[in-house]
Every structure is written in C-alpha cells, then in structure tokens.
Amino acid sequence: MRTPVNDRKVDPDFAAQNVGELGIPGIDHSGEAASFWMPKTKKNERWLELKQYPSRYRKSEKLPPFELNHGGKPCRFQKASHTKMH
C-alpha cells in the first residue's frame, strides 16, 4: 500500500531535528507519470510501454487516483518549509 505524500506518518521524516535542521535536502519521489493512469489508447504518450508492460497501468479502483497521489505535495512542502526539497 502506498503512503500518500501528505500523510502525517512521514511528518517526523521532515521534522526540523531530522532533515531541515541538519541541512540535508529532502527527496520526494511520489510515483509514476500521469500517463500511467490515462486510458491505454494511441493518444497516450506511454501506450506502447503500457502495451509491453501491462502491470504498469494504474487502475484508479485499485490505487489512489493520480491527483490524490500527487496533490499532497504543496501541503507537504509547506509543512516542511525549513527543508530544501529536491
């Protein structure tokens, strides 16, 4: 199961005494490109990849939608304003 970007469980990882205070850059990797959630048609820039590797397709009924998965980033960055995010 994926942890949403803005989940409180990761707050300690970005707390001042951990990352920000030490001047260590925080790295955020929150998943795949939006194309993996879009319909598998030739209009999708990743259609060939999805055809060759069907497991890369992200069904919204099984995983959080792309917007929810990536939507927490602004709030995450605001919470960790003392941390340099990369």
PDB file of N, CA and C in Angstrom:
ATOM      1  N   MET A   1       0.837  -1.182   0.000  1.00  0.00           N
ATOM      2  CA  MET A   1       0.000   0.000   0.000  1.00  0.00           C
ATOM      3  C   MET A   1       0.882   1.245   0.000  1.00  0.00           C
ATOM      4  N   ARG A   2       0.490   2.208  -0.794  1.00  0.00           N
ATOM      5  CA  ARG A   2       1.244   3.450  -0.888  1.00  0.00           C
ATOM      6  C   ARG A   2       0.873   4.400   0.228  1.00  0.00           C
ATOM      7  N   THR A   3       1.843   5.166   0.645  1.00  0.00           N
ATOM      8  CA  THR A   3       1.610   6.205   1.640  1.00  0.00           C
ATOM      9  C   THR A   3       1.407   7.512   0.893  1.00  0.00           C
ATOM     10  N   PRO A   4       0.269   8.188   1.107  1.00  0.00           N
ATOM     11  CA  PRO A   4       0.066   9.476   0.442  1.00  0.00           C
ATOM     12  C   PRO A   4       1.169  10.466   0.805  1.00  0.00           C
ATOM     13  N   VAL A   5       1.489  11.336  -0.120  1.00  0.00           N
ATOM     14  CA  VAL A   5       2.557  12.313   0.060  1.00  0.00           C
ATOM     15  C   VAL A   5       2.360  13.140   1.324  1.00  0.00           C
ATOM     16  N   ASN A   6       1.105  13.464   1.624  1.00  0.00           N
ATOM     17  CA  ASN A   6       0.813  14.350   2.742  1.00  0.00           C
ATOM     18  C   ASN A   6       0.444  13.597   4.021  1.00  0.00           C
ATOM     19  N   ASP A   7       0.728  12.319   4.111  1.00  0.00           N
ATOM     20  CA  ASP A   7       0.380  11.509   5.280  1.00  0.00           C
ATOM     21  C   ASP A   7       1.168  11.964   6.504  1.00  0.00           C
ATOM     22  N   ARG A   8       0.504  12.073   7.637  1.00  0.00           N
ATOM     23  CA  ARG A   8       1.150  12.519   8.876  1.00  0.00           C
ATOM     24  C   ARG A   8       2.252  11.564   9.331  1.00  0.00           C
ATOM     25  N   LYS A   9       2.183  10.317   8.893  1.00  0.00           N
ATOM     26  CA  LYS A   9       3.201   9.343   9.304  1.00  0.00           C
ATOM     27  C   LYS A   9       4.602   9.737   8.843  1.00  0.00           C
ATOM     28  N   VAL A  10       4.697  10.519   7.762  1.00  0.00           N
ATOM     29  CA  VAL A  10       6.024  10.919   7.274  1.00  0.00           C
ATOM     30  C   VAL A  10       6.470  12.272   7.818  1.00  0.00           C
ATOM     31  N   ASP A  11       5.613  12.932   8.605  1.00  0.00           N
ATOM     32  CA  ASP A  11       5.991  14.223   9.199  1.00  0.00           C
ATOM     33  C   ASP A  11       7.321  14.150   9.959  1.00  0.00           C
ATOM     34  N   PRO A  12       7.544  13.129  10.787  1.00  0.00           N
ATOM     35  CA  PRO A  12       8.821  13.080  11.511  1.00  0.00           C
ATOM     36  C   PRO A  12      10.045  13.031  10.601  1.00  0.00           C
ATOM     37  N   ASP A  13       9.873  12.466   9.409  1.00  0.00           N
ATOM     38  CA  ASP A  13      10.998  12.387   8.471  1.00  0.00           C
ATOM     39  C   ASP A  13      11.443  13.760   7.990  1.00  0.00           C
ATOM     40  N   PHE A  14      10.525  14.719   8.017  1.00  0.00           N
ATOM     41  CA  PHE A  14      10.830  16.066   7.547  1.00  0.00           C
ATOM     42  C   PHE A  14      10.914  17.073   8.688  1.00  0.00           C
ATOM     43  N   ALA A  15      10.850  16.600   9.920  1.00  0.00           N
ATOM     44  CA  ALA A  15      10.883  17.486  11.078  1.00  0.00           C
ATOM     45  C   ALA A  15      12.227  18.206  11.165  1.00  0.00           C
ATOM     46  N   ALA A  16      12.217  19.370  11.822  1.00  0.00           N
ATOM     47  CA  ALA A  16      13.428  20.199  11.910  1.00  0.00           C
ATOM     48  C   ALA A  16      14.611  19.448  12.493  1.00  0.00           C
ATOM     49  N   GLN A  17      14.380  18.631  13.508  1.00  0.00           N
ATOM     50  CA  GLN A  17      15.513  17.951  14.126  1.00  0.00           C
ATOM     51  C   GLN A  17      16.094  16.855  13.231  1.00  0.00           C
ATOM     52  N   ASN A  18      15.392  16.480  12.199  1.00  0.00           N
ATOM     53  CA  ASN A  18      15.894  15.425  11.323  1.00  0.00           C
ATOM     54  C   ASN A  18      16.548  15.973  10.055  1.00  0.00           C
ATOM     55  N   VAL A  19      15.740  16.457   9.160  1.00  0.00           N
ATOM     56  CA  VAL A  19      16.236  16.840   7.839  1.00  0.00           C
ATOM     57  C   VAL A  19      16.563  18.326   7.742  1.00  0.00           C
ATOM     58  N   GLY A  20      15.593  19.175   8.058  1.00  0.00           N
ATOM     59  CA  GLY A  20      15.773  20.615   7.882  1.00  0.00           C
ATOM     60  C   GLY A  20      16.880  21.206   8.732  1.00  0.00           C
ATOM     61  N   GLU A  21      16.916  20.818   9.996  1.00  0.00           N
ATOM     62  CA  GLU A  21      17.914  21.370  10.896  1.00  0.00           C
ATOM     63  C   GLU A  21      19.328  20.968  10.505  1.00  0.00           C
ATOM     64  N   LEU A  22      19.461  19.785   9.952  1.00  0.00           N
ATOM     65  CA  LEU A  22      20.773  19.301   9.538  1.00  0.00           C
ATOM     66  C   LEU A  22      21.185  19.812   8.161  1.00  0.00           C
ATOM     67  N   GLY A  23      20.261  20.459   7.462  1.00  0.00           N
ATOM     68  CA  GLY A  23      20.565  20.979   6.130  1.00  0.00           C
ATOM     69  C   GLY A  23      20.622  19.904   5.062  1.00  0.00           C
ATOM     70  N   ILE A  24      20.022  18.759   5.350  1.00  0.00           N
ATOM     71  CA  ILE A  24      20.012  17.655   4.378  1.00  0.00           C
ATOM     72  C   ILE A  24      18.835  17.864   3.433  1.00  0.00           C
ATOM     73  N   PRO A  25      19.052  17.849   2.135  1.00  0.00           N
ATOM     74  CA  PRO A  25      17.926  18.003   1.203  1.00  0.00           C
ATOM     75  C   PRO A  25      16.959  16.828   1.324  1.00  0.00           C
ATOM     76  N   GLY A  26      15.672  17.135   1.272  1.00  0.00           N
ATOM     77  CA  GLY A  26      14.658  16.085   1.244  1.00  0.00           C
ATOM     78  C   GLY A  26      14.378  15.709  -0.202  1.00  0.00           C
ATOM     79  N   ILE A  27      14.261  14.446  -0.447  1.00  0.00           N
ATOM     80  CA  ILE A  27      13.978  13.970  -1.808  1.00  0.00           C
ATOM     81  C   ILE A  27      12.585  13.382  -1.831  1.00  0.00           C
ATOM     82  N   ASP A  28      11.791  13.832  -2.779  1.00  0.00           N
ATOM     83  CA  ASP A  28      10.422  13.360  -2.907  1.00  0.00           C
ATOM     84  C   ASP A  28      10.271  12.603  -4.211  1.00  0.00           C
ATOM     85  N   HIS A  29       9.898  11.359  -4.110  1.00  0.00           N
ATOM     86  CA  HIS A  29       9.541  10.588  -5.306  1.00  0.00           C
ATOM     87  C   HIS A  29       8.175  10.004  -5.034  1.00  0.00           C
ATOM     88  N   SER A  30       7.193  10.513  -5.734  1.00  0.00           N
ATOM     89  CA  SER A  30       5.827  10.102  -5.430  1.00  0.00           C
ATOM     90  C   SER A  30       5.181   9.291  -6.537  1.00  0.00           C
ATOM     91  N   GLY A  31       5.963   8.707  -7.400  1.00  0.00           N
ATOM     92  CA  GLY A  31       5.364   7.771  -8.337  1.00  0.00           C
ATOM     93  C   GLY A  31       5.546   8.095  -9.798  1.00  0.00           C
ATOM     94  N   GLU A  32       4.725   7.442 -10.550  1.00  0.00           N
ATOM     95  CA  GLU A  32       4.816   7.459 -11.993  1.00  0.00           C
ATOM     96  C   GLU A  32       4.148   8.687 -12.609  1.00  0.00           C
ATOM     97  N   ALA A  33       4.353   8.833 -13.887  1.00  0.00           N
ATOM     98  CA  ALA A  33       3.756   9.931 -14.651  1.00  0.00           C
ATOM     99  C   ALA A  33       2.245   9.735 -14.776  1.00  0.00           C
ATOM    100  N   ALA A  34       1.533  10.827 -15.001  1.00  0.00           N
ATOM    101  CA  ALA A  34       0.070  10.782 -15.136  1.00  0.00           C
ATOM    102  C   ALA A  34      -0.372   9.844 -16.250  1.00  0.00           C
ATOM    103  N   SER A  35       0.473   9.646 -17.240  1.00  0.00           N
ATOM    104  CA  SER A  35       0.129   8.787 -18.382  1.00  0.00           C
ATOM    105  C   SER A  35      -0.226   7.368 -17.960  1.00  0.00           C
ATOM    106  N   PHE A  36       0.301   6.909 -16.846  1.00  0.00           N
ATOM    107  CA  PHE A  36       0.017   5.549 -16.395  1.00  0.00           C
ATOM    108  C   PHE A  36      -1.403   5.398 -15.859  1.00  0.00           C
ATOM    109  N   TRP A  37      -2.099   6.506 -15.588  1.00  0.00           N
ATOM    110  CA  TRP A  37      -3.485   6.472 -15.132  1.00  0.00           C
ATOM    111  C   TRP A  37      -4.463   6.741 -16.276  1.00  0.00           C
ATOM    112  N   MET A  38      -3.963   7.236 -17.397  1.00  0.00           N
ATOM    113  CA  MET A  38      -4.827   7.608 -18.527  1.00  0.00           C
ATOM    114  C   MET A  38      -5.201   6.372 -19.339  1.00  0.00           C
ATOM    115  N   PRO A  39      -6.276   6.475 -20.114  1.00  0.00           N
ATOM    116  CA  PRO A  39      -6.686   5.327 -20.939  1.00  0.00           C
ATOM    117  C   PRO A  39      -5.547   4.847 -21.844  1.00  0.00           C
ATOM    118  N   LYS A  40      -5.523   3.540 -22.061  1.00  0.00           N
ATOM    119  CA  LYS A  40      -4.460   2.929 -22.880  1.00  0.00           C
ATOM    120  C   LYS A  40      -4.833   3.003 -24.355  1.00  0.00           C
ATOM    121  N   THR A  41      -4.737   4.201 -24.908  1.00  0.00           N
ATOM    122  CA  THR A  41      -5.023   4.406 -26.324  1.00  0.00           C
ATOM    123  C   THR A  41      -3.778   4.993 -26.978  1.00  0.00           C
ATOM    124  N   LYS A  42      -3.801   5.075 -28.298  1.00  0.00           N
ATOM    125  CA  LYS A  42      -2.645   5.620 -29.010  1.00  0.00           C
ATOM    126  C   LYS A  42      -2.456   7.112 -28.753  1.00  0.00           C
ATOM    127  N   LYS A  43      -3.418   7.762 -28.147  1.00  0.00           N
ATOM    128  CA  LYS A  43      -3.267   9.168 -27.769  1.00  0.00           C
ATOM    129  C   LYS A  43      -2.441   9.314 -26.482  1.00  0.00           C
ATOM    130  N   ASN A  44      -2.271   8.220 -25.775  1.00  0.00           N
ATOM    131  CA  ASN A  44      -1.475   8.227 -24.554  1.00  0.00           C
ATOM    132  C   ASN A  44      -0.003   8.108 -24.951  1.00  0.00           C
ATOM    133  N   GLU A  45       0.814   9.035 -24.486  1.00  0.00           N
ATOM    134  CA  GLU A  45       2.231   9.034 -24.860  1.00  0.00           C
ATOM    135  C   GLU A  45       2.970   7.775 -24.417  1.00  0.00           C
ATOM    136  N   ARG A  46       2.402   7.036 -23.489  1.00  0.00           N
ATOM    137  CA  ARG A  46       3.044   5.812 -22.991  1.00  0.00           C
ATOM    138  C   ARG A  46       2.318   4.551 -23.436  1.00  0.00           C
ATOM    139  N   TRP A  47       1.503   4.641 -24.485  1.00  0.00           N
ATOM    140  CA  TRP A  47       0.691   3.498 -24.876  1.00  0.00           C
ATOM    141  C   TRP A  47       1.526   2.275 -25.225  1.00  0.00           C
ATOM    142  N   LEU A  48       2.648   2.458 -25.906  1.00  0.00           N
ATOM    143  CA  LEU A  48       3.481   1.313 -26.276  1.00  0.00           C
ATOM    144  C   LEU A  48       4.076   0.658 -25.023  1.00  0.00           C
ATOM    145  N   GLU A  49       4.557   1.479 -24.116  1.00  0.00           N
ATOM    146  CA  GLU A  49       5.094   0.944 -22.859  1.00  0.00           C
ATOM    147  C   GLU A  49       4.019   0.184 -22.090  1.00  0.00           C
ATOM    148  N   LEU A  50       2.808   0.730 -22.034  1.00  0.00           N
ATOM    149  CA  LEU A  50       1.712   0.068 -21.333  1.00  0.00           C
ATOM    150  C   LEU A  50       1.295  -1.226 -22.034  1.00  0.00           C
ATOM    151  N   LYS A  51       1.426  -1.247 -23.342  1.00  0.00           N
ATOM    152  CA  LYS A  51       1.112  -2.479 -24.088  1.00  0.00           C
ATOM    153  C   LYS A  51       2.170  -3.545 -23.791  1.00  0.00           C
ATOM    154  N   GLN A  52       3.428  -3.141 -23.731  1.00  0.00           N
ATOM    155  CA  GLN A  52       4.512  -4.087 -23.480  1.00  0.00           C
ATOM    156  C   GLN A  52       4.581  -4.508 -22.014  1.00  0.00           C
ATOM    157  N   TYR A  53       4.206  -3.608 -21.105  1.00  0.00           N
ATOM    158  CA  TYR A  53       4.271  -3.874 -19.663  1.00  0.00           C
ATOM    159  C   TYR A  53       2.926  -3.516 -19.030  1.00  0.00           C
ATOM    160  N   PRO A  54       1.912  -4.344 -19.205  1.00  0.00           N
ATOM    161  CA  PRO A  54       0.566  -4.023 -18.718  1.00  0.00           C
ATOM    162  C   PRO A  54       0.491  -3.782 -17.212  1.00  0.00           C
ATOM    163  N   SER A  55       1.395  -4.333 -16.448  1.00  0.00           N
ATOM    164  CA  SER A  55       1.351  -4.153 -14.998  1.00  0.00           C
ATOM    165  C   SER A  55       1.664  -2.710 -14.580  1.00  0.00           C
ATOM    166  N   ARG A  56       2.163  -1.910 -15.484  1.00  0.00           N
ATOM    167  CA  ARG A  56       2.471  -0.510 -15.160  1.00  0.00           C
ATOM    168  C   ARG A  56       1.235   0.384 -15.201  1.00  0.00           C
ATOM    169  N   TYR A  57       0.142  -0.143 -15.742  1.00  0.00           N
ATOM    170  CA  TYR A  57      -1.100   0.630 -15.797  1.00  0.00           C
ATOM    171  C   TYR A  57      -1.664   0.757 -14.390  1.00  0.00           C
ATOM    172  N   ARG A  58      -2.085   1.953 -14.012  1.00  0.00           N
ATOM    173  CA  ARG A  58      -2.591   2.228 -12.673  1.00  0.00           C
ATOM    174  C   ARG A  58      -4.106   2.376 -12.715  1.00  0.00           C
ATOM    175  N   LYS A  59      -4.799   1.366 -12.240  1.00  0.00           N
ATOM    176  CA  LYS A  59      -6.255   1.406 -12.208  1.00  0.00           C
ATOM    177  C   LYS A  59      -6.692   2.185 -10.972  1.00  0.00           C
ATOM    178  N   SER A  60      -7.518   3.179 -11.178  1.00  0.00           N
ATOM    179  CA  SER A  60      -7.953   4.037 -10.077  1.00  0.00           C
ATOM    180  C   SER A  60      -8.729   3.271  -9.010  1.00  0.00           C
ATOM    181  N   GLU A  61      -9.384   2.184  -9.397  1.00  0.00           N
ATOM    182  CA  GLU A  61     -10.148   1.438  -8.395  1.00  0.00           C
ATOM    183  C   GLU A  61      -9.242   0.631  -7.460  1.00  0.00           C
ATOM    184  N   LYS A  62      -7.985   0.410  -7.870  1.00  0.00           N
ATOM    185  CA  LYS A  62      -7.038  -0.322  -7.031  1.00  0.00           C
ATOM    186  C   LYS A  62      -6.069   0.602  -6.295  1.00  0.00           C
ATOM    187  N   LEU A  63      -5.733   1.711  -6.892  1.00  0.00           N
ATOM    188  CA  LEU A  63      -4.769   2.662  -6.319  1.00  0.00           C
ATOM    189  C   LEU A  63      -5.397   4.041  -6.253  1.00  0.00           C
ATOM    190  N   PRO A  64      -4.866   4.920  -5.403  1.00  0.00           N
ATOM    191  CA  PRO A  64      -5.384   6.293  -5.388  1.00  0.00           C
ATOM    192  C   PRO A  64      -5.202   6.941  -6.760  1.00  0.00           C
ATOM    193  N   PRO A  65      -6.153   7.787  -7.166  1.00  0.00           N
ATOM    194  CA  PRO A  65      -6.002   8.465  -8.454  1.00  0.00           C
ATOM    195  C   PRO A  65      -4.757   9.346  -8.468  1.00  0.00           C
ATOM    196  N   PHE A  66      -4.282   9.646  -9.651  1.00  0.00           N
ATOM    197  CA  PHE A  66      -3.071  10.445  -9.819  1.00  0.00           C
ATOM    198  C   PHE A  66      -3.150  11.755  -9.040  1.00  0.00           C
ATOM    199  N   GLU A  67      -4.281  12.460  -9.136  1.00  0.00           N
ATOM    200  CA  GLU A  67      -4.436  13.758  -8.483  1.00  0.00           C
ATOM    201  C   GLU A  67      -4.292  13.638  -6.966  1.00  0.00           C
ATOM    202  N   LEU A  68      -4.838  12.585  -6.390  1.00  0.00           N
ATOM    203  CA  LEU A  68      -4.723  12.392  -4.950  1.00  0.00           C
ATOM    204  C   LEU A  68      -3.292  12.023  -4.566  1.00  0.00           C
ATOM    205  N   ASN A  69      -2.668  11.193  -5.379  1.00  0.00           N
ATOM    206  CA  ASN A  69      -1.308  10.754  -5.109  1.00  0.00           C
ATOM    207  C   ASN A  69      -0.317  11.923  -5.128  1.00  0.00           C
ATOM    208  N   HIS A  70      -0.473  12.818  -6.083  1.00  0.00           N
ATOM    209  CA  HIS A  70       0.456  13.934  -6.245  1.00  0.00           C
ATOM    210  C   HIS A  70      -0.064  15.242  -5.642  1.00  0.00           C
ATOM    211  N   GLY A  71      -1.348  15.289  -5.320  1.00  0.00           N
ATOM    212  CA  GLY A  71      -1.965  16.524  -4.840  1.00  0.00           C
ATOM    213  C   GLY A  71      -1.478  16.993  -3.481  1.00  0.00           C
ATOM    214  N   GLY A  72      -0.905  16.105  -2.678  1.00  0.00           N
ATOM    215  CA  GLY A  72      -0.450  16.489  -1.351  1.00  0.00           C
ATOM    216  C   GLY A  72       0.899  17.179  -1.324  1.00  0.00           C
ATOM    217  N   LYS A  73       1.564  17.261  -2.465  1.00  0.00           N
ATOM    218  CA  LYS A  73       2.909  17.849  -2.495  1.00  0.00           C
ATOM    219  C   LYS A  73       2.965  19.287  -1.994  1.00  0.00           C
ATOM    220  N   PRO A  74       2.092  20.182  -2.468  1.00  0.00           N
ATOM    221  CA  PRO A  74       2.190  21.569  -1.975  1.00  0.00           C
ATOM    222  C   PRO A  74       2.056  21.665  -0.460  1.00  0.00           C
ATOM    223  N   CYS A  75       1.148  20.890   0.111  1.00  0.00           N
ATOM    224  CA  CYS A  75       0.964  20.915   1.564  1.00  0.00           C
ATOM    225  C   CYS A  75       2.177  20.314   2.260  1.00  0.00           C
ATOM    226  N   ARG A  76       2.726  19.258   1.703  1.00  0.00           N
ATOM    227  CA  ARG A  76       3.928  18.627   2.273  1.00  0.00           C
ATOM    228  C   ARG A  76       5.071  19.631   2.292  1.00  0.00           C
ATOM    229  N   PHE A  77       5.268  20.337   1.194  1.00  0.00           N
ATOM    230  CA  PHE A  77       6.357  21.306   1.108  1.00  0.00           C
ATOM    231  C   PHE A  77       6.130  22.467   2.076  1.00  0.00           C
ATOM    232  N   GLN A  78       4.859  22.874   2.240  1.00  0.00           N
ATOM    233  CA  GLN A  78       4.555  23.960   3.166  1.00  0.00           C
ATOM    234  C   GLN A  78       4.834  23.530   4.604  1.00  0.00           C
ATOM    235  N   LYS A  79       4.468  22.289   4.945  1.00  0.00           N
ATOM    236  CA  LYS A  79       4.731  21.780   6.296  1.00  0.00           C
ATOM    237  C   LYS A  79       6.222  21.737   6.591  1.00  0.00           C
ATOM    238  N   ALA A  80       7.009  21.455   5.574  1.00  0.00           N
ATOM    239  CA  ALA A  80       8.460  21.316   5.744  1.00  0.00           C
ATOM    240  C   ALA A  80       9.178  22.512   5.133  1.00  0.00           C
ATOM    241  N   SER A  81       8.680  23.709   5.415  1.00  0.00           N
ATOM    242  CA  SER A  81       9.243  24.903   4.779  1.00  0.00           C
ATOM    243  C   SER A  81      10.718  25.128   5.128  1.00  0.00           C
ATOM    244  N   HIS A  82      11.176  24.530   6.216  1.00  0.00           N
ATOM    245  CA  HIS A  82      12.578  24.652   6.629  1.00  0.00           C
ATOM    246  C   HIS A  82      13.480  23.660   5.900  1.00  0.00           C
ATOM    247  N   THR A  83      12.876  22.782   5.115  1.00  0.00           N
ATOM    248  CA  THR A  83      13.633  21.728   4.419  1.00  0.00           C
ATOM    249  C   THR A  83      13.790  22.079   2.956  1.00  0.00           C
ATOM    250  N   LYS A  84      14.969  21.874   2.406  1.00  0.00           N
ATOM    251  CA  LYS A  84      15.199  22.061   0.981  1.00  0.00           C
ATOM    252  C   LYS A  84      14.728  20.802   0.277  1.00  0.00           C
ATOM    253  N   MET A  85      13.703  20.947  -0.545  1.00  0.00           N
ATOM    254  CA  MET A  85      13.130  19.792  -1.248  1.00  0.00           C
ATOM    255  C   MET A  85      13.692  19.706  -2.661  1.00  0.00           C
ATOM    256  N   HIS A  86      14.023  18.505  -3.077  1.00  0.00           N
ATOM    257  CA  HIS A  86      14.547  18.269  -4.424  1.00  0.00           C
ATOM    258  C   HIS A  86      13.725  17.229  -5.120  1.00  0.00           C
TER     259      HIS A  86
END
